[in-house]
Amino acid sequence: MKKLFIPVSIILSLLLMLGGCGEENEQSTNANPDFLSFATLSEGSAWYVYGATMAEVIRSDIDEVKKVDVLPHSGGIGNVETVSTGEAELGFTFSVTNKWGNDGEVAFEEVYDDFSVLTGALDQYYVGIIMRDEFMEEHDITSIADIKEKEIPTNLYTVNIGSQGEFAAQQVLEAYGMNYDDLKDYGGAVEHTSFDVVKSAFQDGEADMFVQVMTKGHPGFTEIAIQTPVTFMSIEDEFREKLEETGNQKVTFPAGHYEGQDEEVETVGFTTTLVANNDLSEDLAYDITKSIVENKDKLVQGHQGLEAFDPEKGLEPEYTGGTDIHPGALKYYEEKGWK
């Protein structure tokens, strides 16, 4: 009995240790997974389409990866936290939200820096602001500034809280000296919801204004503009300069990309980056980066917004937000002679 007791106790101890390690591993990012989680944005968004397209490219190209789960997560701001904490191995962020997360400022109350860039400059995003034409005519609106000056009751719609689009709405209002509470005080309302609800609200005359980040040919804006006469609003330079202070960049949205959008729109914008948790293995990061960079034609077939993808340019701090390049991705870029 004495001879048996010692080995059994050791085995029990080992089982307990393994059980504890298993729990810990469940909470941390697998360094070399055959199953990847990919944080994007809500279904129907450009990022969700990007993610679905890239997931198929990655799965087809890399034998090691058996499945890529595309998560309809909260977008540019929320995904910084999601990837940095290891809830997802991959995700889309914006150059500007990378900087905010690394510094723990603007949209973040703490530092999120346990993530790195696989590739940047995937596209060009613009802050899109539309107003229903009938609403503008009723209140003689020519500028967003008129809302504050005339205290016009405005029903503002955004997508979900935590997304870059919703935060952009806050920033635009702040640049013009307003916030959500001011709109409510004027007799208006603020609604955070899905693209489908926003489209219906414009059709029904319930939505007066919508703020959301967009690419050229964004499906949500396309449907709204076809179904309801709207105006794409420019942001005057004095207000764009305020938005530049937090890392937004002055950009011009070309004319002719939406129904009735016959003029250029002066606004602010940023670019999309594909990021990974720092625990993603160097080999897998290399393979994913290579697969994405060398299959641009397939990416563009998935969404025309990716026509602007320029991986060599995307290594510059302007397009990464100053976030480090993942060592695996860096290895690939060095082989290409880009770094």
C-alpha atoms as a PDB file:
ATOM      1  CA  MET A   1       0.000   0.000   0.000  1.00  0.00           C
ATOM      2  CA  LYS A   2       2.794   2.358   0.822  1.00  0.00           C
ATOM      3  CA  LYS A   3       4.420   1.743  -2.547  1.00  0.00           C
ATOM      4  CA  LEU A   4       1.177   2.537  -4.362  1.00  0.00           C
ATOM      5  CA  PHE A   5       0.353   5.645  -2.355  1.00  0.00           C
ATOM      6  CA  ILE A   6       3.244   7.785  -3.570  1.00  0.00           C
ATOM      7  CA  PRO A   7       2.701   7.302  -7.321  1.00  0.00           C
ATOM      8  CA  VAL A   8      -1.058   7.899  -7.000  1.00  0.00           C
ATOM      9  CA  SER A   9      -0.560  11.120  -5.085  1.00  0.00           C
ATOM     10  CA  ILE A  10       1.905  12.298  -7.685  1.00  0.00           C
ATOM     11  CA  ILE A  11      -0.533  11.465 -10.458  1.00  0.00           C
ATOM     12  CA  LEU A  12      -3.326  13.342  -8.669  1.00  0.00           C
ATOM     13  CA  SER A  13      -1.075  16.343  -8.228  1.00  0.00           C
ATOM     14  CA  LEU A  14      -0.134  16.279 -11.895  1.00  0.00           C
ATOM     15  CA  LEU A  15      -3.802  16.065 -12.905  1.00  0.00           C
ATOM     16  CA  LEU A  16      -4.620  19.073 -10.761  1.00  0.00           C
ATOM     17  CA  MET A  17      -1.724  21.005 -12.273  1.00  0.00           C
ATOM     18  CA  LEU A  18      -2.808  20.099 -15.799  1.00  0.00           C
ATOM     19  CA  GLY A  19      -6.361  21.090 -15.008  1.00  0.00           C
ATOM     20  CA  GLY A  20      -5.184  24.490 -13.826  1.00  0.00           C
ATOM     21  CA  CYS A  21      -3.059  24.920 -16.925  1.00  0.00           C
ATOM     22  CA  GLY A  22      -6.032  24.025 -19.092  1.00  0.00           C
ATOM     23  CA  GLU A  23      -8.134  26.761 -17.512  1.00  0.00           C
ATOM     24  CA  GLU A  24      -5.349  29.255 -18.021  1.00  0.00           C
ATOM     25  CA  ASN A  25      -4.935  28.250 -21.659  1.00  0.00           C
ATOM     26  CA  GLU A  26      -8.643  28.689 -22.291  1.00  0.00           C
ATOM     27  CA  GLN A  27      -8.301  32.324 -21.262  1.00  0.00           C
ATOM     28  CA  SER A  28      -5.204  33.070 -23.312  1.00  0.00           C
ATOM     29  CA  THR A  29      -4.517  33.258 -27.016  1.00  0.00           C
ATOM     30  CA  ASN A  30      -3.329  30.014 -28.616  1.00  0.00           C
ATOM     31  CA  ALA A  31       0.105  30.832 -30.028  1.00  0.00           C
ATOM     32  CA  ASN A  32      -0.312  28.539 -33.027  1.00  0.00           C
ATOM     33  CA  PRO A  33      -4.031  27.856 -33.581  1.00  0.00           C
ATOM     34  CA  ASP A  34      -5.733  25.918 -36.344  1.00  0.00           C
ATOM     35  CA  PHE A  35      -8.857  27.875 -35.423  1.00  0.00           C
ATOM     36  CA  LEU A  36      -8.756  31.675 -35.659  1.00  0.00           C
ATOM     37  CA  SER A  37     -11.189  34.306 -34.456  1.00  0.00           C
ATOM     38  CA  PHE A  38     -11.409  37.437 -36.592  1.00  0.00           C
ATOM     39  CA  ALA A  39     -12.993  40.593 -35.100  1.00  0.00           C
ATOM     40  CA  THR A  40     -14.765  42.749 -37.711  1.00  0.00           C
ATOM     41  CA  LEU A  41     -18.001  44.763 -37.467  1.00  0.00           C
ATOM     42  CA  SER A  42     -21.723  44.045 -37.759  1.00  0.00           C
ATOM     43  CA  GLU A  43     -23.086  41.934 -40.594  1.00  0.00           C
ATOM     44  CA  GLY A  44     -23.678  44.012 -43.715  1.00  0.00           C
ATOM     45  CA  SER A  45     -20.757  46.331 -42.958  1.00  0.00           C
ATOM     46  CA  ALA A  46     -17.727  46.695 -45.233  1.00  0.00           C
ATOM     47  CA  TRP A  47     -15.474  45.211 -42.545  1.00  0.00           C
ATOM     48  CA  TYR A  48     -17.647  42.129 -42.195  1.00  0.00           C
ATOM     49  CA  VAL A  49     -17.360  41.565 -45.950  1.00  0.00           C
ATOM     50  CA  TYR A  50     -13.596  42.212 -45.784  1.00  0.00           C
ATOM     51  CA  GLY A  51     -13.317  39.669 -42.982  1.00  0.00           C
ATOM     52  CA  ALA A  52     -15.360  37.002 -44.746  1.00  0.00           C
ATOM     53  CA  THR A  53     -13.259  37.455 -47.888  1.00  0.00           C
ATOM     54  CA  MET A  54      -9.934  37.318 -46.032  1.00  0.00           C
ATOM     55  CA  ALA A  55     -11.088  34.335 -43.979  1.00  0.00           C
ATOM     56  CA  GLU A  56     -11.679  32.356 -47.159  1.00  0.00           C
ATOM     57  CA  VAL A  57      -8.307  33.399 -48.596  1.00  0.00           C
ATOM     58  CA  ILE A  58      -6.483  32.442 -45.380  1.00  0.00           C
ATOM     59  CA  ARG A  59      -8.290  29.120 -45.009  1.00  0.00           C
ATOM     60  CA  SER A  60      -7.665  28.191 -48.645  1.00  0.00           C
ATOM     61  CA  ASP A  61      -4.006  29.241 -48.601  1.00  0.00           C
ATOM     62  CA  ILE A  62      -2.785  27.966 -45.232  1.00  0.00           C
ATOM     63  CA  ASP A  63      -3.184  24.247 -44.536  1.00  0.00           C
ATOM     64  CA  GLU A  64      -2.611  24.755 -40.833  1.00  0.00           C
ATOM     65  CA  VAL A  65      -5.719  26.927 -40.481  1.00  0.00           C
ATOM     66  CA  LYS A  66      -8.859  24.790 -40.481  1.00  0.00           C
ATOM     67  CA  LYS A  67     -11.410  27.469 -39.676  1.00  0.00           C
ATOM     68  CA  VAL A  68     -11.634  31.255 -39.376  1.00  0.00           C
ATOM     69  CA  ASP A  69     -14.582  32.506 -37.323  1.00  0.00           C
ATOM     70  CA  VAL A  70     -15.602  35.996 -38.517  1.00  0.00           C
ATOM     71  CA  LEU A  71     -16.977  37.859 -35.514  1.00  0.00           C
ATOM     72  CA  PRO A  72     -19.452  40.742 -36.040  1.00  0.00           C
ATOM     73  CA  HIS A  73     -17.740  42.687 -33.248  1.00  0.00           C
ATOM     74  CA  SER A  74     -17.887  46.333 -32.326  1.00  0.00           C
ATOM     75  CA  GLY A  75     -15.455  47.820 -34.845  1.00  0.00           C
ATOM     76  CA  GLY A  76     -12.470  50.119 -34.782  1.00  0.00           C
ATOM     77  CA  ILE A  77     -12.475  50.974 -31.087  1.00  0.00           C
ATOM     78  CA  GLY A  78     -13.816  47.760 -29.610  1.00  0.00           C
ATOM     79  CA  ASN A  79     -11.549  45.588 -31.751  1.00  0.00           C
ATOM     80  CA  VAL A  80      -8.420  47.183 -30.289  1.00  0.00           C
ATOM     81  CA  GLU A  81      -9.412  45.796 -26.901  1.00  0.00           C
ATOM     82  CA  THR A  82     -10.701  42.511 -28.358  1.00  0.00           C
ATOM     83  CA  VAL A  83      -7.409  41.690 -30.100  1.00  0.00           C
ATOM     84  CA  SER A  84      -5.108  43.151 -27.447  1.00  0.00           C
ATOM     85  CA  THR A  85      -6.727  41.043 -24.700  1.00  0.00           C
ATOM     86  CA  GLY A  86      -6.648  37.876 -26.826  1.00  0.00           C
ATOM     87  CA  GLU A  87     -10.394  37.476 -27.264  1.00  0.00           C
ATOM     88  CA  ALA A  88      -9.641  37.293 -31.001  1.00  0.00           C
ATOM     89  CA  GLU A  89      -6.370  36.490 -32.753  1.00  0.00           C
ATOM     90  CA  LEU A  90      -7.064  38.810 -35.690  1.00  0.00           C
ATOM     91  CA  GLY A  91      -9.068  41.977 -36.193  1.00  0.00           C
ATOM     92  CA  PHE A  92      -9.593  45.158 -38.124  1.00  0.00           C
ATOM     93  CA  THR A  93      -8.726  48.477 -36.530  1.00  0.00           C
ATOM     94  CA  PHE A  94      -8.039  51.970 -37.802  1.00  0.00           C
ATOM     95  CA  SER A  95      -4.684  53.704 -37.873  1.00  0.00           C
ATOM     96  CA  VAL A  96      -6.071  56.343 -35.532  1.00  0.00           C
ATOM     97  CA  THR A  97      -7.563  53.860 -33.028  1.00  0.00           C
ATOM     98  CA  ASN A  98      -4.241  51.980 -32.915  1.00  0.00           C
ATOM     99  CA  LYS A  99      -2.595  55.164 -31.711  1.00  0.00           C
ATOM    100  CA  TRP A 100      -5.334  55.868 -29.177  1.00  0.00           C
ATOM    101  CA  GLY A 101      -5.123  52.322 -27.818  1.00  0.00           C
ATOM    102  CA  ASN A 102      -1.315  52.315 -27.583  1.00  0.00           C
ATOM    103  CA  ASP A 103      -1.382  55.639 -25.727  1.00  0.00           C
ATOM    104  CA  GLY A 104      -4.513  54.947 -23.652  1.00  0.00           C
ATOM    105  CA  GLU A 105      -6.120  58.218 -24.727  1.00  0.00           C
ATOM    106  CA  VAL A 106      -9.102  59.788 -26.524  1.00  0.00           C
ATOM    107  CA  ALA A 107     -11.446  56.769 -26.766  1.00  0.00           C
ATOM    108  CA  PHE A 108      -9.556  54.629 -24.219  1.00  0.00           C
ATOM    109  CA  GLU A 109      -9.140  54.956 -20.473  1.00  0.00           C
ATOM    110  CA  GLU A 110      -6.288  52.428 -20.319  1.00  0.00           C
ATOM    111  CA  VAL A 111      -3.440  51.300 -22.534  1.00  0.00           C
ATOM    112  CA  TYR A 112      -4.034  48.464 -25.034  1.00  0.00           C
ATOM    113  CA  ASP A 113      -0.748  47.565 -26.693  1.00  0.00           C
ATOM    114  CA  ASP A 114      -0.601  43.753 -26.815  1.00  0.00           C
ATOM    115  CA  PHE A 115      -1.265  43.718 -30.539  1.00  0.00           C
ATOM    116  CA  SER A 116       0.716  44.452 -33.693  1.00  0.00           C
ATOM    117  CA  VAL A 117       0.094  45.185 -37.350  1.00  0.00           C
ATOM    118  CA  LEU A 118       0.128  42.545 -40.081  1.00  0.00           C
ATOM    119  CA  THR A 119      -0.680  44.999 -42.855  1.00  0.00           C
ATOM    120  CA  GLY A 120      -1.985  48.531 -43.199  1.00  0.00           C
ATOM    121  CA  ALA A 121      -3.389  50.898 -45.824  1.00  0.00           C
ATOM    122  CA  LEU A 122      -6.093  48.385 -46.706  1.00  0.00           C
ATOM    123  CA  ASP A 123      -8.406  51.147 -47.841  1.00  0.00           C
ATOM    124  CA  GLN A 124      -9.389  54.761 -47.260  1.00  0.00           C
ATOM    125  CA  TYR A 125     -12.201  55.433 -44.825  1.00  0.00           C
ATOM    126  CA  TYR A 126     -14.101  58.692 -44.612  1.00  0.00           C
ATOM    127  CA  VAL A 127     -16.381  60.089 -41.940  1.00  0.00           C
ATOM    128  CA  GLY A 128     -19.689  60.202 -43.785  1.00  0.00           C
ATOM    129  CA  ILE A 129     -22.449  62.537 -42.628  1.00  0.00           C
ATOM    130  CA  ILE A 130     -25.806  62.545 -44.370  1.00  0.00           C
ATOM    131  CA  MET A 131     -28.947  64.561 -43.764  1.00  0.00           C
ATOM    132  CA  ARG A 132     -32.404  63.952 -45.152  1.00  0.00           C
ATOM    133  CA  ASP A 133     -33.130  66.611 -47.788  1.00  0.00           C
ATOM    134  CA  GLU A 134     -36.673  67.209 -46.586  1.00  0.00           C
ATOM    135  CA  PHE A 135     -35.379  67.875 -43.065  1.00  0.00           C
ATOM    136  CA  MET A 136     -32.766  70.321 -44.388  1.00  0.00           C
ATOM    137  CA  GLU A 137     -35.331  72.204 -46.449  1.00  0.00           C
ATOM    138  CA  GLU A 138     -37.749  72.413 -43.512  1.00  0.00           C
ATOM    139  CA  HIS A 139     -35.117  74.040 -41.266  1.00  0.00           C
ATOM    140  CA  ASP A 140     -33.085  75.867 -43.950  1.00  0.00           C
ATOM    141  CA  ILE A 141     -29.895  73.951 -43.091  1.00  0.00           C
ATOM    142  CA  THR A 142     -26.712  74.481 -45.102  1.00  0.00           C
ATOM    143  CA  SER A 143     -24.175  73.415 -42.466  1.00  0.00           C
ATOM    144  CA  ILE A 144     -24.024  71.153 -39.421  1.00  0.00           C
ATOM    145  CA  ALA A 145     -23.316  74.350 -37.481  1.00  0.00           C
ATOM    146  CA  ASP A 146     -26.919  75.431 -38.131  1.00  0.00           C
ATOM    147  CA  ILE A 147     -28.172  72.744 -35.745  1.00  0.00           C
ATOM    148  CA  LYS A 148     -26.482  74.428 -32.793  1.00  0.00           C
ATOM    149  CA  GLU A 149     -27.079  77.986 -33.939  1.00  0.00           C
ATOM    150  CA  LYS A 150     -30.818  77.429 -34.452  1.00  0.00           C
ATOM    151  CA  GLU A 151     -31.207  74.665 -31.812  1.00  0.00           C
ATOM    152  CA  ILE A 152     -32.900  72.479 -34.394  1.00  0.00           C
ATOM    153  CA  PRO A 153     -34.540  69.277 -33.072  1.00  0.00           C
ATOM    154  CA  THR A 154     -32.531  66.586 -34.853  1.00  0.00           C
ATOM    155  CA  ASN A 155     -32.926  62.825 -34.763  1.00  0.00           C
ATOM    156  CA  LEU A 156     -29.376  61.504 -35.050  1.00  0.00           C
ATOM    157  CA  TYR A 157     -28.684  57.852 -35.840  1.00  0.00           C
ATOM    158  CA  THR A 158     -25.384  56.010 -35.394  1.00  0.00           C
ATOM    159  CA  VAL A 159     -24.359  52.362 -35.349  1.00  0.00           C
ATOM    160  CA  ASN A 160     -23.475  50.509 -32.139  1.00  0.00           C
ATOM    161  CA  ILE A 161     -21.564  52.133 -29.286  1.00  0.00           C
ATOM    162  CA  GLY A 162     -17.907  51.076 -29.334  1.00  0.00           C
ATOM    163  CA  SER A 163     -17.607  51.367 -33.087  1.00  0.00           C
ATOM    164  CA  GLN A 164     -15.482  54.001 -34.771  1.00  0.00           C
ATOM    165  CA  GLY A 165     -18.579  55.308 -36.554  1.00  0.00           C
ATOM    166  CA  GLU A 166     -20.402  56.025 -33.305  1.00  0.00           C
ATOM    167  CA  PHE A 167     -17.327  57.644 -31.783  1.00  0.00           C
ATOM    168  CA  ALA A 168     -16.900  59.728 -34.932  1.00  0.00           C
ATOM    169  CA  ALA A 169     -20.424  61.047 -34.381  1.00  0.00           C
ATOM    170  CA  GLN A 170     -19.409  62.179 -30.904  1.00  0.00           C
ATOM    171  CA  GLN A 171     -16.254  63.812 -32.254  1.00  0.00           C
ATOM    172  CA  VAL A 172     -18.085  65.638 -35.059  1.00  0.00           C
ATOM    173  CA  LEU A 173     -20.658  67.026 -32.642  1.00  0.00           C
ATOM    174  CA  GLU A 174     -17.888  68.072 -30.246  1.00  0.00           C
ATOM    175  CA  ALA A 175     -16.044  69.882 -33.035  1.00  0.00           C
ATOM    176  CA  TYR A 176     -19.210  71.888 -33.646  1.00  0.00           C
ATOM    177  CA  GLY A 177     -19.651  72.536 -29.917  1.00  0.00           C
ATOM    178  CA  MET A 178     -22.418  69.998 -29.260  1.00  0.00           C
ATOM    179  CA  ASN A 179     -23.027  66.590 -27.706  1.00  0.00           C
ATOM    180  CA  TYR A 180     -25.817  64.022 -27.534  1.00  0.00           C
ATOM    181  CA  ASP A 181     -27.486  65.742 -24.590  1.00  0.00           C
ATOM    182  CA  ASP A 182     -27.628  69.025 -26.517  1.00  0.00           C
ATOM    183  CA  LEU A 183     -29.506  67.335 -29.363  1.00  0.00           C
ATOM    184  CA  LYS A 184     -31.993  65.936 -26.855  1.00  0.00           C
ATOM    185  CA  ASP A 185     -32.370  69.361 -25.242  1.00  0.00           C
ATOM    186  CA  TYR A 186     -33.205  70.792 -28.671  1.00  0.00           C
ATOM    187  CA  GLY A 187     -36.066  68.288 -28.849  1.00  0.00           C
ATOM    188  CA  GLY A 188     -34.261  65.680 -30.939  1.00  0.00           C
ATOM    189  CA  ALA A 189     -33.126  62.129 -30.200  1.00  0.00           C
ATOM    190  CA  VAL A 190     -30.069  59.901 -30.525  1.00  0.00           C
ATOM    191  CA  GLU A 191     -30.403  56.273 -31.625  1.00  0.00           C
ATOM    192  CA  HIS A 192     -27.596  53.675 -31.714  1.00  0.00           C
ATOM    193  CA  THR A 193     -28.677  50.753 -33.855  1.00  0.00           C
ATOM    194  CA  SER A 194     -28.083  48.544 -36.895  1.00  0.00           C
ATOM    195  CA  PHE A 195     -27.727  49.525 -40.542  1.00  0.00           C
ATOM    196  CA  ASP A 196     -31.100  47.951 -41.356  1.00  0.00           C
ATOM    197  CA  VAL A 197     -32.868  50.088 -38.758  1.00  0.00           C
ATOM    198  CA  VAL A 198     -31.084  53.217 -39.997  1.00  0.00           C
ATOM    199  CA  LYS A 199     -32.179  52.528 -43.594  1.00  0.00           C
ATOM    200  CA  SER A 200     -35.788  52.035 -42.514  1.00  0.00           C
ATOM    201  CA  ALA A 201     -35.692  55.163 -40.337  1.00  0.00           C
ATOM    202  CA  PHE A 202     -34.644  57.303 -43.308  1.00  0.00           C
ATOM    203  CA  GLN A 203     -37.362  55.800 -45.477  1.00  0.00           C
ATOM    204  CA  ASP A 204     -39.960  56.484 -42.789  1.00  0.00           C
ATOM    205  CA  GLY A 205     -38.761  60.055 -42.208  1.00  0.00           C
ATOM    206  CA  GLU A 206     -37.729  59.282 -38.623  1.00  0.00           C
ATOM    207  CA  ALA A 207     -33.969  59.755 -39.132  1.00  0.00           C
ATOM    208  CA  ASP A 208     -32.722  63.276 -39.872  1.00  0.00           C
ATOM    209  CA  MET A 209     -28.981  62.707 -39.699  1.00  0.00           C
ATOM    210  CA  PHE A 210     -26.619  59.731 -39.813  1.00  0.00           C
ATOM    211  CA  VAL A 211     -22.894  59.696 -39.011  1.00  0.00           C
ATOM    212  CA  GLN A 212     -20.816  56.655 -39.887  1.00  0.00           C
ATOM    213  CA  VAL A 213     -17.407  55.848 -41.331  1.00  0.00           C
ATOM    214  CA  MET A 214     -17.616  54.782 -44.973  1.00  0.00           C
ATOM    215  CA  THR A 215     -15.644  53.594 -47.964  1.00  0.00           C
ATOM    216  CA  LYS A 216     -16.413  54.363 -51.595  1.00  0.00           C
ATOM    217  CA  GLY A 217     -19.509  52.392 -52.487  1.00  0.00           C
ATOM    218  CA  HIS A 218     -20.377  51.550 -48.869  1.00  0.00           C
ATOM    219  CA  PRO A 219     -23.475  49.281 -49.094  1.00  0.00           C
ATOM    220  CA  GLY A 220     -25.349  50.965 -46.232  1.00  0.00           C
ATOM    221  CA  PHE A 221     -24.929  54.489 -47.606  1.00  0.00           C
ATOM    222  CA  THR A 222     -25.657  53.240 -51.118  1.00  0.00           C
ATOM    223  CA  GLU A 223     -29.057  51.840 -50.111  1.00  0.00           C
ATOM    224  CA  ILE A 224     -30.016  54.902 -48.088  1.00  0.00           C
ATOM    225  CA  ALA A 225     -29.105  57.287 -50.925  1.00  0.00           C
ATOM    226  CA  ILE A 226     -31.095  55.232 -53.450  1.00  0.00           C
ATOM    227  CA  GLN A 227     -34.193  55.005 -51.262  1.00  0.00           C
ATOM    228  CA  THR A 228     -34.233  58.500 -49.702  1.00  0.00           C
ATOM    229  CA  PRO A 229     -33.041  61.896 -51.012  1.00  0.00           C
ATOM    230  CA  VAL A 230     -30.105  62.831 -48.766  1.00  0.00           C
ATOM    231  CA  THR A 231     -27.207  65.283 -48.797  1.00  0.00           C
ATOM    232  CA  PHE A 232     -23.632  64.311 -47.945  1.00  0.00           C
ATOM    233  CA  MET A 233     -22.437  67.061 -45.609  1.00  0.00           C
ATOM    234  CA  SER A 234     -18.965  68.592 -45.693  1.00  0.00           C
ATOM    235  CA  ILE A 235     -17.103  69.607 -42.549  1.00  0.00           C
ATOM    236  CA  GLU A 236     -15.767  73.150 -42.800  1.00  0.00           C
ATOM    237  CA  ASP A 237     -12.000  73.580 -42.341  1.00  0.00           C
ATOM    238  CA  GLU A 238     -12.238  75.304 -38.967  1.00  0.00           C
ATOM    239  CA  PHE A 239     -13.984  72.202 -37.590  1.00  0.00           C
ATOM    240  CA  ARG A 240     -11.774  69.726 -39.463  1.00  0.00           C
ATOM    241  CA  GLU A 241      -8.770  71.307 -37.784  1.00  0.00           C
ATOM    242  CA  LYS A 242     -10.287  70.467 -34.390  1.00  0.00           C
ATOM    243  CA  LEU A 243     -10.746  66.865 -35.513  1.00  0.00           C
ATOM    244  CA  GLU A 244      -7.129  66.725 -36.715  1.00  0.00           C
ATOM    245  CA  GLU A 245      -5.953  67.345 -33.164  1.00  0.00           C
ATOM    246  CA  THR A 246      -6.897  63.775 -32.198  1.00  0.00           C
ATOM    247  CA  GLY A 247      -5.251  62.125 -35.201  1.00  0.00           C
ATOM    248  CA  ASN A 248      -7.960  62.345 -37.853  1.00  0.00           C
ATOM    249  CA  GLN A 249      -6.688  63.387 -41.291  1.00  0.00           C
ATOM    250  CA  LYS A 250      -8.237  65.886 -43.691  1.00  0.00           C
ATOM    251  CA  VAL A 251      -9.521  64.034 -46.763  1.00  0.00           C
ATOM    252  CA  THR A 252     -11.789  64.725 -49.723  1.00  0.00           C
ATOM    253  CA  PHE A 253     -14.440  62.214 -50.722  1.00  0.00           C
ATOM    254  CA  PRO A 254     -14.743  62.232 -54.542  1.00  0.00           C
ATOM    255  CA  ALA A 255     -18.036  63.083 -56.229  1.00  0.00           C
ATOM    256  CA  GLY A 256     -20.247  60.519 -57.899  1.00  0.00           C
ATOM    257  CA  HIS A 257     -20.057  57.513 -55.606  1.00  0.00           C
ATOM    258  CA  TYR A 258     -23.644  57.691 -54.335  1.00  0.00           C
ATOM    259  CA  GLU A 259     -27.024  58.586 -55.735  1.00  0.00           C
ATOM    260  CA  GLY A 260     -27.355  62.373 -55.787  1.00  0.00           C
ATOM    261  CA  GLN A 261     -23.803  62.892 -54.508  1.00  0.00           C
ATOM    262  CA  ASP A 262     -22.680  65.182 -57.312  1.00  0.00           C
ATOM    263  CA  GLU A 263     -20.060  67.177 -55.402  1.00  0.00           C
ATOM    264  CA  GLU A 264     -16.884  66.420 -53.513  1.00  0.00           C
ATOM    265  CA  VAL A 265     -17.259  66.173 -49.741  1.00  0.00           C
ATOM    266  CA  GLU A 266     -14.653  67.710 -47.429  1.00  0.00           C
ATOM    267  CA  THR A 267     -14.334  65.526 -44.342  1.00  0.00           C
ATOM    268  CA  VAL A 268     -11.796  63.587 -42.237  1.00  0.00           C
ATOM    269  CA  GLY A 269     -10.660  59.993 -42.449  1.00  0.00           C
ATOM    270  CA  PHE A 270      -8.190  57.213 -41.717  1.00  0.00           C
ATOM    271  CA  THR A 271      -7.180  53.797 -43.053  1.00  0.00           C
ATOM    272  CA  THR A 272      -7.923  50.222 -42.001  1.00  0.00           C
ATOM    273  CA  THR A 273      -5.224  47.968 -40.547  1.00  0.00           C
ATOM    274  CA  LEU A 274      -5.226  44.207 -40.063  1.00  0.00           C
ATOM    275  CA  VAL A 275      -3.810  43.474 -36.612  1.00  0.00           C
ATOM    276  CA  ALA A 276      -2.976  40.377 -34.588  1.00  0.00           C
ATOM    277  CA  ASN A 277      -2.536  39.582 -30.930  1.00  0.00           C
ATOM    278  CA  ASN A 278       1.165  39.495 -30.058  1.00  0.00           C
ATOM    279  CA  ASP A 279       0.884  35.812 -29.066  1.00  0.00           C
ATOM    280  CA  LEU A 280       0.176  34.803 -32.662  1.00  0.00           C
ATOM    281  CA  SER A 281       3.170  32.715 -33.745  1.00  0.00           C
ATOM    282  CA  GLU A 282       5.748  34.277 -36.024  1.00  0.00           C
ATOM    283  CA  ASP A 283       5.285  31.545 -38.635  1.00  0.00           C
ATOM    284  CA  LEU A 284       1.516  31.926 -38.769  1.00  0.00           C
ATOM    285  CA  ALA A 285       1.738  35.729 -38.863  1.00  0.00           C
ATOM    286  CA  TYR A 286       4.154  35.385 -41.787  1.00  0.00           C
ATOM    287  CA  ASP A 287       1.820  33.031 -43.659  1.00  0.00           C
ATOM    288  CA  ILE A 288      -1.279  35.175 -43.073  1.00  0.00           C
ATOM    289  CA  THR A 289       0.492  38.349 -44.170  1.00  0.00           C
ATOM    290  CA  LYS A 290       1.847  36.677 -47.299  1.00  0.00           C
ATOM    291  CA  SER A 291      -1.588  35.264 -48.129  1.00  0.00           C
ATOM    292  CA  ILE A 292      -3.350  38.641 -47.787  1.00  0.00           C
ATOM    293  CA  VAL A 293      -0.724  40.673 -49.643  1.00  0.00           C
ATOM    294  CA  GLU A 294      -0.429  38.243 -52.554  1.00  0.00           C
ATOM    295  CA  ASN A 295      -4.161  37.762 -53.108  1.00  0.00           C
ATOM    296  CA  LYS A 296      -5.292  41.337 -53.633  1.00  0.00           C
ATOM    297  CA  ASP A 297      -7.311  40.350 -56.711  1.00  0.00           C
ATOM    298  CA  LYS A 298      -9.454  38.010 -54.606  1.00  0.00           C
ATOM    299  CA  LEU A 299      -9.869  40.665 -51.919  1.00  0.00           C
ATOM    300  CA  VAL A 300     -11.121  43.223 -54.447  1.00  0.00           C
ATOM    301  CA  GLN A 301     -13.617  40.687 -55.796  1.00  0.00           C
ATOM    302  CA  GLY A 302     -15.027  40.545 -52.267  1.00  0.00           C
ATOM    303  CA  HIS A 303     -15.292  44.324 -51.788  1.00  0.00           C
ATOM    304  CA  GLN A 304     -14.291  47.221 -54.031  1.00  0.00           C
ATOM    305  CA  GLY A 305     -13.103  49.231 -51.030  1.00  0.00           C
ATOM    306  CA  LEU A 306      -9.969  47.055 -51.035  1.00  0.00           C
ATOM    307  CA  GLU A 307      -8.898  48.389 -54.441  1.00  0.00           C
ATOM    308  CA  ALA A 308      -6.929  51.009 -52.489  1.00  0.00           C
ATOM    309  CA  PHE A 309      -4.914  48.336 -50.626  1.00  0.00           C
ATOM    310  CA  ASP A 310      -1.224  49.295 -50.739  1.00  0.00           C
ATOM    311  CA  PRO A 311       0.760  47.022 -48.372  1.00  0.00           C
ATOM    312  CA  GLU A 312       4.120  48.721 -48.974  1.00  0.00           C
ATOM    313  CA  LYS A 313       2.681  52.128 -48.080  1.00  0.00           C
ATOM    314  CA  GLY A 314       0.829  50.543 -45.162  1.00  0.00           C
ATOM    315  CA  LEU A 315       4.081  49.944 -43.266  1.00  0.00           C
ATOM    316  CA  GLU A 316       4.536  53.668 -42.665  1.00  0.00           C
ATOM    317  CA  PRO A 317       3.581  55.043 -39.204  1.00  0.00           C
ATOM    318  CA  GLU A 318       0.952  57.278 -40.835  1.00  0.00           C
ATOM    319  CA  TYR A 319      -0.943  54.119 -41.802  1.00  0.00           C
ATOM    320  CA  THR A 320      -0.229  51.978 -38.734  1.00  0.00           C
ATOM    321  CA  GLY A 321      -0.861  54.631 -36.105  1.00  0.00           C
ATOM    322  CA  GLY A 322       2.708  54.065 -34.949  1.00  0.00           C
ATOM    323  CA  THR A 323       1.934  50.502 -33.820  1.00  0.00           C
ATOM    324  CA  ASP A 324       4.709  47.917 -34.232  1.00  0.00           C
ATOM    325  CA  ILE A 325       4.707  45.477 -37.151  1.00  0.00           C
ATOM    326  CA  HIS A 326       4.328  41.839 -36.019  1.00  0.00           C
ATOM    327  CA  PRO A 327       7.737  40.039 -36.262  1.00  0.00           C
ATOM    328  CA  GLY A 328       6.260  37.440 -38.613  1.00  0.00           C
ATOM    329  CA  ALA A 329       4.871  40.096 -40.924  1.00  0.00           C
ATOM    330  CA  LEU A 330       8.142  42.023 -40.698  1.00  0.00           C
ATOM    331  CA  LYS A 331      10.015  38.930 -41.866  1.00  0.00           C
ATOM    332  CA  TYR A 332       7.823  38.770 -44.967  1.00  0.00           C
ATOM    333  CA  TYR A 333       8.271  42.484 -45.714  1.00  0.00           C
ATOM    334  CA  GLU A 334      12.041  42.216 -45.331  1.00  0.00           C
ATOM    335  CA  GLU A 335      12.039  39.386 -47.870  1.00  0.00           C
ATOM    336  CA  LYS A 336      10.109  41.671 -50.230  1.00  0.00           C
ATOM    337  CA  GLY A 337      12.678  44.431 -49.701  1.00  0.00           C
ATOM    338  CA  TRP A 338      10.088  46.792 -48.240  1.00  0.00           C
ATOM    339  CA  LYS A 339      11.697  47.148 -44.813  1.00  0.00           C
END
